[in-house]
Amino acid sequence: LIGAVNWPWPLYFRTGFVRHFDPPLHAWKLNLVAHSLLQGHWLPENGNSNCFYPNSLTLFYEALHWPQSVLAAGFLLFTDNPILVYNLVHLFFWAFSGCCLFWLLKEWGCSNRAAAWASAVFCIMPYRVSYLVEFNMQQCFGLILSLLFMVRFLRRPSILDACGFAVALWLQAVSELYQALILATVLPFLALPWI
């Protein structure tokens, strides 16, 4: 569905980006961290806060994209095409956010059909499609997973769900820190009605 509503984007997965400054920047970031991972480093050497690309005032780690770089490293084992890797990672995490919403809606008691429909709409709604060029905007899976584990914990408190919430929040923070901060800010308002 994501590929269909963004047609002809899938035709150019191997050869090009959507015309915008954001995709080449994030492709560079993904590949830099992915190559570092493949060389046995958790993060690029020489520190991770002094890389600027393509010019000053573009801070490299305003978004770490560490989970995305792990997937990119896996793809790099099969291809050395950074454009293809970027597009596949972008598509995967965009679609994965829909899967996370499906699980959240199932936890809330929705039927498979309703949860699948809502997840599809979530992935192809105009707001998200209009952000095709914005890699960061599609990296919201951790927010939804956090909500899933929070709902599960508030219904039936367990260590597993508390740990799931912490891991999901961490995954969001090492993907897109500002989205994790938004969740942390609104969390009391989400949890209070349940308490």
C-alpha atoms as a PDB file:
ATOM      1  CA  LEU A   1       0.000   0.000   0.000  1.00  0.00           C
ATOM      2  CA  ILE A   2       2.772   2.436   0.880  1.00  0.00           C
ATOM      3  CA  GLY A   3       4.501   1.748  -2.414  1.00  0.00           C
ATOM      4  CA  ALA A   4       1.249   2.052  -4.358  1.00  0.00           C
ATOM      5  CA  VAL A   5       0.242   5.428  -2.936  1.00  0.00           C
ATOM      6  CA  ASN A   6       3.769   6.753  -3.444  1.00  0.00           C
ATOM      7  CA  TRP A   7       4.095   5.449  -6.992  1.00  0.00           C
ATOM      8  CA  PRO A   8       6.501   5.623  -8.838  1.00  0.00           C
ATOM      9  CA  TRP A   9       8.865   5.756  -5.839  1.00  0.00           C
ATOM     10  CA  PRO A  10       9.363   1.931  -5.808  1.00  0.00           C
ATOM     11  CA  LEU A  11      10.601   2.023  -9.407  1.00  0.00           C
ATOM     12  CA  TYR A  12      13.612   4.039  -8.268  1.00  0.00           C
ATOM     13  CA  PHE A  13      14.571   2.177  -5.083  1.00  0.00           C
ATOM     14  CA  ARG A  14      17.927   1.219  -6.594  1.00  0.00           C
ATOM     15  CA  THR A  15      18.753   4.371  -8.487  1.00  0.00           C
ATOM     16  CA  GLY A  16      17.463   7.526  -6.853  1.00  0.00           C
ATOM     17  CA  PHE A  17      15.834   9.498  -4.107  1.00  0.00           C
ATOM     18  CA  VAL A  18      12.751  11.639  -3.991  1.00  0.00           C
ATOM     19  CA  ARG A  19      14.038  15.093  -4.970  1.00  0.00           C
ATOM     20  CA  HIS A  20      14.737  16.747  -1.634  1.00  0.00           C
ATOM     21  CA  PHE A  21      17.775  17.351   0.581  1.00  0.00           C
ATOM     22  CA  ASP A  22      16.547  14.991   3.315  1.00  0.00           C
ATOM     23  CA  PRO A  23      16.961  11.543   1.647  1.00  0.00           C
ATOM     24  CA  PRO A  24      20.655  11.904   0.692  1.00  0.00           C
ATOM     25  CA  LEU A  25      21.460  13.207   4.190  1.00  0.00           C
ATOM     26  CA  HIS A  26      19.764  10.287   5.911  1.00  0.00           C
ATOM     27  CA  ALA A  27      21.160   7.762   3.436  1.00  0.00           C
ATOM     28  CA  TRP A  28      24.625   9.055   4.323  1.00  0.00           C
ATOM     29  CA  LYS A  29      23.877   8.811   8.050  1.00  0.00           C
ATOM     30  CA  LEU A  30      22.427   5.300   7.769  1.00  0.00           C
ATOM     31  CA  ASN A  31      25.337   4.019   5.743  1.00  0.00           C
ATOM     32  CA  LEU A  32      27.968   5.654   7.961  1.00  0.00           C
ATOM     33  CA  VAL A  33      26.575   4.026  11.106  1.00  0.00           C
ATOM     34  CA  ALA A  34      25.827   0.730   9.306  1.00  0.00           C
ATOM     35  CA  HIS A  35      29.422   0.481   8.052  1.00  0.00           C
ATOM     36  CA  SER A  36      30.636   1.289  11.555  1.00  0.00           C
ATOM     37  CA  LEU A  37      28.477  -1.543  12.928  1.00  0.00           C
ATOM     38  CA  LEU A  38      29.846  -3.945  10.312  1.00  0.00           C
ATOM     39  CA  GLN A  39      33.381  -2.985  11.410  1.00  0.00           C
ATOM     40  CA  GLY A  40      32.534  -3.936  14.982  1.00  0.00           C
ATOM     41  CA  HIS A  41      31.821  -0.496  16.441  1.00  0.00           C
ATOM     42  CA  TRP A  42      28.543   0.384  18.150  1.00  0.00           C
ATOM     43  CA  LEU A  43      28.834   3.951  16.870  1.00  0.00           C
ATOM     44  CA  PRO A  44      31.155   5.715  14.439  1.00  0.00           C
ATOM     45  CA  GLU A  45      34.641   6.197  15.816  1.00  0.00           C
ATOM     46  CA  ASN A  46      36.022   9.560  16.980  1.00  0.00           C
ATOM     47  CA  GLY A  47      32.853  10.469  18.832  1.00  0.00           C
ATOM     48  CA  ASN A  48      29.367  10.819  17.510  1.00  0.00           C
ATOM     49  CA  SER A  49      28.584  14.475  17.999  1.00  0.00           C
ATOM     50  CA  ASN A  50      31.111  16.255  15.800  1.00  0.00           C
ATOM     51  CA  CYS A  51      30.050  15.043  12.373  1.00  0.00           C
ATOM     52  CA  PHE A  52      28.476  17.689  10.211  1.00  0.00           C
ATOM     53  CA  TYR A  53      27.054  17.027   6.757  1.00  0.00           C
ATOM     54  CA  PRO A  54      26.829  18.560   4.235  1.00  0.00           C
ATOM     55  CA  ASN A  55      27.659  21.782   6.036  1.00  0.00           C
ATOM     56  CA  SER A  56      27.728  23.288   9.488  1.00  0.00           C
ATOM     57  CA  LEU A  57      24.526  23.589  11.529  1.00  0.00           C
ATOM     58  CA  THR A  58      23.430  20.120  10.380  1.00  0.00           C
ATOM     59  CA  LEU A  59      24.117  18.068  13.497  1.00  0.00           C
ATOM     60  CA  PHE A  60      24.642  14.396  12.656  1.00  0.00           C
ATOM     61  CA  TYR A  61      23.064  12.992  15.803  1.00  0.00           C
ATOM     62  CA  GLU A  62      19.922  14.986  16.114  1.00  0.00           C
ATOM     63  CA  ALA A  63      18.531  11.569  15.255  1.00  0.00           C
ATOM     64  CA  LEU A  64      20.753   8.576  15.900  1.00  0.00           C
ATOM     65  CA  HIS A  65      18.741   6.082  13.786  1.00  0.00           C
ATOM     66  CA  TRP A  66      20.520   3.230  15.506  1.00  0.00           C
ATOM     67  CA  PRO A  67      17.844   0.500  14.958  1.00  0.00           C
ATOM     68  CA  GLN A  68      17.530   1.665  11.366  1.00  0.00           C
ATOM     69  CA  SER A  69      21.309   1.425  10.961  1.00  0.00           C
ATOM     70  CA  VAL A  70      21.285  -2.129  12.329  1.00  0.00           C
ATOM     71  CA  LEU A  71      18.804  -3.079   9.592  1.00  0.00           C
ATOM     72  CA  ALA A  72      20.852  -1.132   7.041  1.00  0.00           C
ATOM     73  CA  ALA A  73      23.949  -3.112   8.102  1.00  0.00           C
ATOM     74  CA  GLY A  74      22.005  -6.316   7.422  1.00  0.00           C
ATOM     75  CA  PHE A  75      21.061  -5.087   3.955  1.00  0.00           C
ATOM     76  CA  LEU A  76      24.664  -4.063   3.281  1.00  0.00           C
ATOM     77  CA  LEU A  77      25.647  -7.706   3.637  1.00  0.00           C
ATOM     78  CA  PHE A  78      23.718  -8.328   0.405  1.00  0.00           C
ATOM     79  CA  THR A  79      24.207  -5.096  -1.521  1.00  0.00           C
ATOM     80  CA  ASP A  80      26.604  -2.177  -1.593  1.00  0.00           C
ATOM     81  CA  ASN A  81      23.960   0.190  -2.959  1.00  0.00           C
ATOM     82  CA  PRO A  82      23.379   2.923  -0.332  1.00  0.00           C
ATOM     83  CA  ILE A  83      20.359   4.276  -2.222  1.00  0.00           C
ATOM     84  CA  LEU A  84      18.620   0.891  -2.190  1.00  0.00           C
ATOM     85  CA  VAL A  85      19.498   0.392   1.480  1.00  0.00           C
ATOM     86  CA  TYR A  86      18.049   3.780   2.425  1.00  0.00           C
ATOM     87  CA  ASN A  87      14.803   3.194   0.508  1.00  0.00           C
ATOM     88  CA  LEU A  88      14.318  -0.316   1.928  1.00  0.00           C
ATOM     89  CA  VAL A  89      14.970   0.825   5.514  1.00  0.00           C
ATOM     90  CA  HIS A  90      12.622   3.786   5.022  1.00  0.00           C
ATOM     91  CA  LEU A  91       9.868   1.523   3.691  1.00  0.00           C
ATOM     92  CA  PHE A  92      10.407  -1.154   6.356  1.00  0.00           C
ATOM     93  CA  PHE A  93      10.078   1.144   9.355  1.00  0.00           C
ATOM     94  CA  TRP A  94       7.161   3.004   7.794  1.00  0.00           C
ATOM     95  CA  ALA A  95       5.324  -0.299   7.347  1.00  0.00           C
ATOM     96  CA  PHE A  96       6.474  -1.562  10.763  1.00  0.00           C
ATOM     97  CA  SER A  97       4.756   1.401  12.420  1.00  0.00           C
ATOM     98  CA  GLY A  98       1.526   0.100  10.869  1.00  0.00           C
ATOM     99  CA  CYS A  99       2.171  -3.361  12.332  1.00  0.00           C
ATOM    100  CA  CYS A 100       2.742  -1.796  15.744  1.00  0.00           C
ATOM    101  CA  LEU A 101      -0.559   0.072  15.480  1.00  0.00           C
ATOM    102  CA  PHE A 102      -2.285  -3.201  14.546  1.00  0.00           C
ATOM    103  CA  TRP A 103      -0.973  -4.821  17.749  1.00  0.00           C
ATOM    104  CA  LEU A 104      -2.003  -1.806  19.823  1.00  0.00           C
ATOM    105  CA  LEU A 105      -5.535  -1.847  18.420  1.00  0.00           C
ATOM    106  CA  LYS A 106      -5.805  -5.597  19.004  1.00  0.00           C
ATOM    107  CA  GLU A 107      -4.835  -4.963  22.631  1.00  0.00           C
ATOM    108  CA  TRP A 108      -7.642  -2.423  22.847  1.00  0.00           C
ATOM    109  CA  GLY A 109     -10.069  -5.098  21.650  1.00  0.00           C
ATOM    110  CA  CYS A 110     -10.488  -4.261  17.965  1.00  0.00           C
ATOM    111  CA  SER A 111     -11.236  -7.040  15.522  1.00  0.00           C
ATOM    112  CA  ASN A 112      -8.543  -8.156  13.063  1.00  0.00           C
ATOM    113  CA  ARG A 113     -10.413  -6.433  10.249  1.00  0.00           C
ATOM    114  CA  ALA A 114     -10.788  -3.125  12.091  1.00  0.00           C
ATOM    115  CA  ALA A 115      -7.171  -3.155  13.291  1.00  0.00           C
ATOM    116  CA  ALA A 116      -5.881  -3.984   9.793  1.00  0.00           C
ATOM    117  CA  TRP A 117      -8.011  -1.248   8.224  1.00  0.00           C
ATOM    118  CA  ALA A 118      -6.875   1.359  10.764  1.00  0.00           C
ATOM    119  CA  SER A 119      -3.230   0.314  10.370  1.00  0.00           C
ATOM    120  CA  ALA A 120      -3.454   0.597   6.591  1.00  0.00           C
ATOM    121  CA  VAL A 121      -5.055   4.037   6.861  1.00  0.00           C
ATOM    122  CA  PHE A 122      -2.376   5.060   9.371  1.00  0.00           C
ATOM    123  CA  CYS A 123       0.347   4.155   6.858  1.00  0.00           C
ATOM    124  CA  ILE A 124      -1.220   5.784   3.794  1.00  0.00           C
ATOM    125  CA  MET A 125      -3.046   8.796   5.225  1.00  0.00           C
ATOM    126  CA  PRO A 126      -2.188  12.032   3.425  1.00  0.00           C
ATOM    127  CA  TYR A 127      -0.245  13.424   6.402  1.00  0.00           C
ATOM    128  CA  ARG A 128       2.246  10.554   6.335  1.00  0.00           C
ATOM    129  CA  VAL A 129       2.411  10.315   2.554  1.00  0.00           C
ATOM    130  CA  SER A 130       3.136  14.037   2.366  1.00  0.00           C
ATOM    131  CA  TYR A 131       6.214  13.303   4.493  1.00  0.00           C
ATOM    132  CA  LEU A 132       7.661  10.758   2.066  1.00  0.00           C
ATOM    133  CA  VAL A 133      10.821  12.848   1.887  1.00  0.00           C
ATOM    134  CA  GLU A 134      11.102  13.069   5.692  1.00  0.00           C
ATOM    135  CA  PHE A 135      12.810   9.901   6.897  1.00  0.00           C
ATOM    136  CA  ASN A 136      12.480  11.045  10.520  1.00  0.00           C
ATOM    137  CA  MET A 137       8.697  11.382  10.356  1.00  0.00           C
ATOM    138  CA  GLN A 138       8.246   7.704   9.464  1.00  0.00           C
ATOM    139  CA  GLN A 139      10.274   6.470  12.457  1.00  0.00           C
ATOM    140  CA  CYS A 140       7.409   6.449  14.974  1.00  0.00           C
ATOM    141  CA  PHE A 141       7.184   2.699  15.650  1.00  0.00           C
ATOM    142  CA  GLY A 142       8.635   3.065  19.156  1.00  0.00           C
ATOM    143  CA  LEU A 143       5.917   5.520  20.159  1.00  0.00           C
ATOM    144  CA  ILE A 144       3.225   3.025  19.266  1.00  0.00           C
ATOM    145  CA  LEU A 145       5.043   0.086  20.867  1.00  0.00           C
ATOM    146  CA  SER A 146       5.444   2.172  24.027  1.00  0.00           C
ATOM    147  CA  LEU A 147       1.709   2.816  24.096  1.00  0.00           C
ATOM    148  CA  LEU A 148       1.042  -0.901  23.568  1.00  0.00           C
ATOM    149  CA  PHE A 149       3.195  -1.902  26.528  1.00  0.00           C
ATOM    150  CA  MET A 150       1.811   0.946  28.645  1.00  0.00           C
ATOM    151  CA  VAL A 151      -1.773  -0.196  28.019  1.00  0.00           C
ATOM    152  CA  ARG A 152      -0.838  -3.790  28.765  1.00  0.00           C
ATOM    153  CA  PHE A 153       0.965  -2.759  31.952  1.00  0.00           C
ATOM    154  CA  LEU A 154      -1.895  -0.573  33.183  1.00  0.00           C
ATOM    155  CA  ARG A 155      -4.378  -3.396  32.604  1.00  0.00           C
ATOM    156  CA  ARG A 156      -2.296  -6.229  34.046  1.00  0.00           C
ATOM    157  CA  PRO A 157       0.940  -4.945  35.632  1.00  0.00           C
ATOM    158  CA  SER A 158       3.888  -7.193  34.884  1.00  0.00           C
ATOM    159  CA  ILE A 159       7.647  -6.897  34.751  1.00  0.00           C
ATOM    160  CA  LEU A 160       7.619  -8.009  31.108  1.00  0.00           C
ATOM    161  CA  ASP A 161       5.336  -5.168  30.052  1.00  0.00           C
ATOM    162  CA  ALA A 162       7.302  -2.636  32.107  1.00  0.00           C
ATOM    163  CA  CYS A 163      10.504  -3.829  30.422  1.00  0.00           C
ATOM    164  CA  GLY A 164       8.747  -3.803  27.040  1.00  0.00           C
ATOM    165  CA  PHE A 165       7.746  -0.191  27.623  1.00  0.00           C
ATOM    166  CA  ALA A 166      11.307   0.784  28.594  1.00  0.00           C
ATOM    167  CA  VAL A 167      12.815  -0.980  25.562  1.00  0.00           C
ATOM    168  CA  ALA A 168      10.237   0.545  23.198  1.00  0.00           C
ATOM    169  CA  LEU A 169      10.900   4.026  24.587  1.00  0.00           C
ATOM    170  CA  TRP A 170      14.657   3.433  24.264  1.00  0.00           C
ATOM    171  CA  LEU A 171      14.207   2.239  20.658  1.00  0.00           C
ATOM    172  CA  GLN A 172      12.290   5.424  19.916  1.00  0.00           C
ATOM    173  CA  ALA A 173      14.911   7.577  21.641  1.00  0.00           C
ATOM    174  CA  VAL A 174      17.775   6.040  19.637  1.00  0.00           C
ATOM    175  CA  SER A 175      15.701   6.430  16.468  1.00  0.00           C
ATOM    176  CA  GLU A 176      14.183   9.880  16.910  1.00  0.00           C
ATOM    177  CA  LEU A 177      14.891  11.516  20.253  1.00  0.00           C
ATOM    178  CA  TYR A 178      12.351  14.334  19.904  1.00  0.00           C
ATOM    179  CA  GLN A 179       9.503  11.840  19.379  1.00  0.00           C
ATOM    180  CA  ALA A 180      10.502  10.002  22.555  1.00  0.00           C
ATOM    181  CA  LEU A 181      10.556  13.337  24.410  1.00  0.00           C
ATOM    182  CA  ILE A 182       7.048  14.093  23.138  1.00  0.00           C
ATOM    183  CA  LEU A 183       5.874  10.741  24.515  1.00  0.00           C
ATOM    184  CA  ALA A 184       7.589  11.357  27.853  1.00  0.00           C
ATOM    185  CA  THR A 185       5.917  14.771  28.066  1.00  0.00           C
ATOM    186  CA  VAL A 186       2.389  13.500  27.411  1.00  0.00           C
ATOM    187  CA  LEU A 187       2.779  10.198  29.266  1.00  0.00           C
ATOM    188  CA  PRO A 188       1.243  11.428  32.532  1.00  0.00           C
ATOM    189  CA  PHE A 189      -1.853  12.589  30.670  1.00  0.00           C
ATOM    190  CA  LEU A 190      -2.153   9.208  28.954  1.00  0.00           C
ATOM    191  CA  ALA A 191      -1.604   7.157  32.115  1.00  0.00           C
ATOM    192  CA  LEU A 192      -3.685   9.162  34.622  1.00  0.00           C
ATOM    193  CA  PRO A 193      -7.113   8.068  33.304  1.00  0.00           C
ATOM    194  CA  TRP A 194      -6.071   4.431  33.670  1.00  0.00           C
ATOM    195  CA  ILE A 195      -4.730   4.936  37.182  1.00  0.00           C
END
